[in-house]
Amino acid sequence: MTPEQKKLEKVRVAKFIAKQKLCGYGDPSTDDEEKFGQQPAVKTDKTQQSEKQPKKRLNKEEKASRRKKKRDKRDAAVDESETKQ
């Protein structure tokens, strides 16, 4: 390994150890195998995931109104930049 690779490896290991300590698992090189072997499972809230609403499809009028709003906003920005110059 080159000196750069060794340095990068040390940084990678240090980040890993810091992350483990932050999560409450400690340093795996010094902890007992029994303490560090099993990590608690992360529970997800499935009710929030299932309640996501599908995106509503816009009809022609809604699409046209959104395009008009964007166009008006863009034109206002262009007019403002022209007045500054």
C-alpha atoms as a PDB file:
ATOM      1  CA  MET A   1       0.000   0.000   0.000  1.00  0.00           C
ATOM      2  CA  THR A   2       1.147   3.493  -0.752  1.00  0.00           C
ATOM      3  CA  PRO A   3       1.252   6.102   2.022  1.00  0.00           C
ATOM      4  CA  GLU A   4      -1.852   7.757   0.551  1.00  0.00           C
ATOM      5  CA  GLN A   5      -3.780   4.497   0.615  1.00  0.00           C
ATOM      6  CA  LYS A   6      -2.734   3.865   4.227  1.00  0.00           C
ATOM      7  CA  LYS A   7      -3.902   7.342   5.195  1.00  0.00           C
ATOM      8  CA  LEU A   8      -7.248   6.854   3.432  1.00  0.00           C
ATOM      9  CA  GLU A   9      -7.704   3.483   5.127  1.00  0.00           C
ATOM     10  CA  LYS A  10      -7.033   5.028   8.552  1.00  0.00           C
ATOM     11  CA  VAL A  11      -9.602   7.747   7.837  1.00  0.00           C
ATOM     12  CA  ARG A  12     -12.146   5.169   6.689  1.00  0.00           C
ATOM     13  CA  VAL A  13     -11.651   3.067   9.821  1.00  0.00           C
ATOM     14  CA  ALA A  14     -11.828   6.152  12.051  1.00  0.00           C
ATOM     15  CA  LYS A  15     -15.118   7.196  10.421  1.00  0.00           C
ATOM     16  CA  PHE A  16     -16.515   3.693  10.890  1.00  0.00           C
ATOM     17  CA  ILE A  17     -15.564   3.635  14.573  1.00  0.00           C
ATOM     18  CA  ALA A  18     -16.986   7.127  15.115  1.00  0.00           C
ATOM     19  CA  LYS A  19     -20.250   6.076  13.487  1.00  0.00           C
ATOM     20  CA  GLN A  20     -20.426   2.965  15.667  1.00  0.00           C
ATOM     21  CA  LYS A  21     -19.831   5.019  18.817  1.00  0.00           C
ATOM     22  CA  LEU A  22     -22.460   7.528  17.717  1.00  0.00           C
ATOM     23  CA  CYS A  23     -24.978   4.723  17.278  1.00  0.00           C
ATOM     24  CA  GLY A  24     -24.092   3.391  20.735  1.00  0.00           C
ATOM     25  CA  TYR A  25     -22.276   0.230  19.727  1.00  0.00           C
ATOM     26  CA  GLY A  26     -18.792   1.267  20.844  1.00  0.00           C
ATOM     27  CA  ASP A  27     -15.475   0.306  19.316  1.00  0.00           C
ATOM     28  CA  PRO A  28     -15.693  -3.200  17.834  1.00  0.00           C
ATOM     29  CA  SER A  29     -11.963  -3.792  18.251  1.00  0.00           C
ATOM     30  CA  THR A  30     -12.169  -3.396  22.067  1.00  0.00           C
ATOM     31  CA  ASP A  31     -15.693  -4.657  22.825  1.00  0.00           C
ATOM     32  CA  ASP A  32     -16.530  -8.261  23.561  1.00  0.00           C
ATOM     33  CA  GLU A  33     -17.936 -10.209  20.638  1.00  0.00           C
ATOM     34  CA  GLU A  34     -21.123 -10.925  22.586  1.00  0.00           C
ATOM     35  CA  LYS A  35     -21.809  -7.235  23.154  1.00  0.00           C
ATOM     36  CA  PHE A  36     -21.089  -6.181  19.613  1.00  0.00           C
ATOM     37  CA  GLY A  37     -22.297  -9.202  17.654  1.00  0.00           C
ATOM     38  CA  GLN A  38     -26.045  -8.535  17.657  1.00  0.00           C
ATOM     39  CA  GLN A  39     -27.271  -5.118  16.622  1.00  0.00           C
ATOM     40  CA  PRO A  40     -30.868  -4.103  17.378  1.00  0.00           C
ATOM     41  CA  ALA A  41     -33.186  -4.100  14.388  1.00  0.00           C
ATOM     42  CA  VAL A  42     -34.487  -0.755  13.199  1.00  0.00           C
ATOM     43  CA  LYS A  43     -38.262  -0.613  13.280  1.00  0.00           C
ATOM     44  CA  THR A  44     -40.061   1.338  10.589  1.00  0.00           C
ATOM     45  CA  ASP A  45     -43.492   2.820  10.934  1.00  0.00           C
ATOM     46  CA  LYS A  46     -45.447   1.014   8.230  1.00  0.00           C
ATOM     47  CA  THR A  47     -48.594   3.090   8.711  1.00  0.00           C
ATOM     48  CA  GLN A  48     -46.862   6.181   7.356  1.00  0.00           C
ATOM     49  CA  GLN A  49     -45.560   4.316   4.325  1.00  0.00           C
ATOM     50  CA  SER A  50     -48.936   2.856   3.386  1.00  0.00           C
ATOM     51  CA  GLU A  51     -50.790   6.178   3.697  1.00  0.00           C
ATOM     52  CA  LYS A  52     -48.901   7.869   0.866  1.00  0.00           C
ATOM     53  CA  GLN A  53     -51.360   9.199  -1.670  1.00  0.00           C
ATOM     54  CA  PRO A  54     -50.675   8.612  -5.354  1.00  0.00           C
ATOM     55  CA  LYS A  55     -49.943  11.727  -7.375  1.00  0.00           C
ATOM     56  CA  LYS A  56     -53.044  13.280  -8.823  1.00  0.00           C
ATOM     57  CA  ARG A  57     -53.067  13.567 -12.589  1.00  0.00           C
ATOM     58  CA  LEU A  58     -53.738  17.094 -13.752  1.00  0.00           C
ATOM     59  CA  ASN A  59     -56.384  17.842 -16.310  1.00  0.00           C
ATOM     60  CA  LYS A  60     -55.815  20.169 -19.274  1.00  0.00           C
ATOM     61  CA  GLU A  61     -57.015  23.315 -17.496  1.00  0.00           C
ATOM     62  CA  GLU A  62     -54.777  22.733 -14.483  1.00  0.00           C
ATOM     63  CA  LYS A  63     -51.775  22.077 -16.723  1.00  0.00           C
ATOM     64  CA  ALA A  64     -52.479  25.236 -18.696  1.00  0.00           C
ATOM     65  CA  SER A  65     -52.843  27.349 -15.552  1.00  0.00           C
ATOM     66  CA  ARG A  66     -49.549  26.030 -14.164  1.00  0.00           C
ATOM     67  CA  ARG A  67     -47.764  26.745 -17.448  1.00  0.00           C
ATOM     68  CA  LYS A  68     -49.220  30.260 -17.443  1.00  0.00           C
ATOM     69  CA  LYS A  69     -48.070  30.877 -13.859  1.00  0.00           C
ATOM     70  CA  LYS A  70     -44.551  29.711 -14.702  1.00  0.00           C
ATOM     71  CA  ARG A  71     -44.483  31.829 -17.854  1.00  0.00           C
ATOM     72  CA  ASP A  72     -45.723  34.908 -15.973  1.00  0.00           C
ATOM     73  CA  LYS A  73     -43.152  34.402 -13.224  1.00  0.00           C
ATOM     74  CA  ARG A  74     -40.361  33.992 -15.792  1.00  0.00           C
ATOM     75  CA  ASP A  75     -41.490  37.093 -17.700  1.00  0.00           C
ATOM     76  CA  ALA A  76     -41.612  39.114 -14.472  1.00  0.00           C
ATOM     77  CA  ALA A  77     -38.054  38.051 -13.642  1.00  0.00           C
ATOM     78  CA  VAL A  78     -36.861  39.005 -17.136  1.00  0.00           C
ATOM     79  CA  ASP A  79     -38.589  42.397 -16.904  1.00  0.00           C
ATOM     80  CA  GLU A  80     -37.006  43.009 -13.502  1.00  0.00           C
ATOM     81  CA  SER A  81     -33.520  42.151 -14.772  1.00  0.00           C
ATOM     82  CA  GLU A  82     -33.973  44.456 -17.776  1.00  0.00           C
ATOM     83  CA  THR A  83     -34.969  47.382 -15.558  1.00  0.00           C
ATOM     84  CA  LYS A  84     -31.812  46.918 -13.453  1.00  0.00           C
ATOM     85  CA  GLN A  85     -29.566  47.224 -16.500  1.00  0.00           C
END
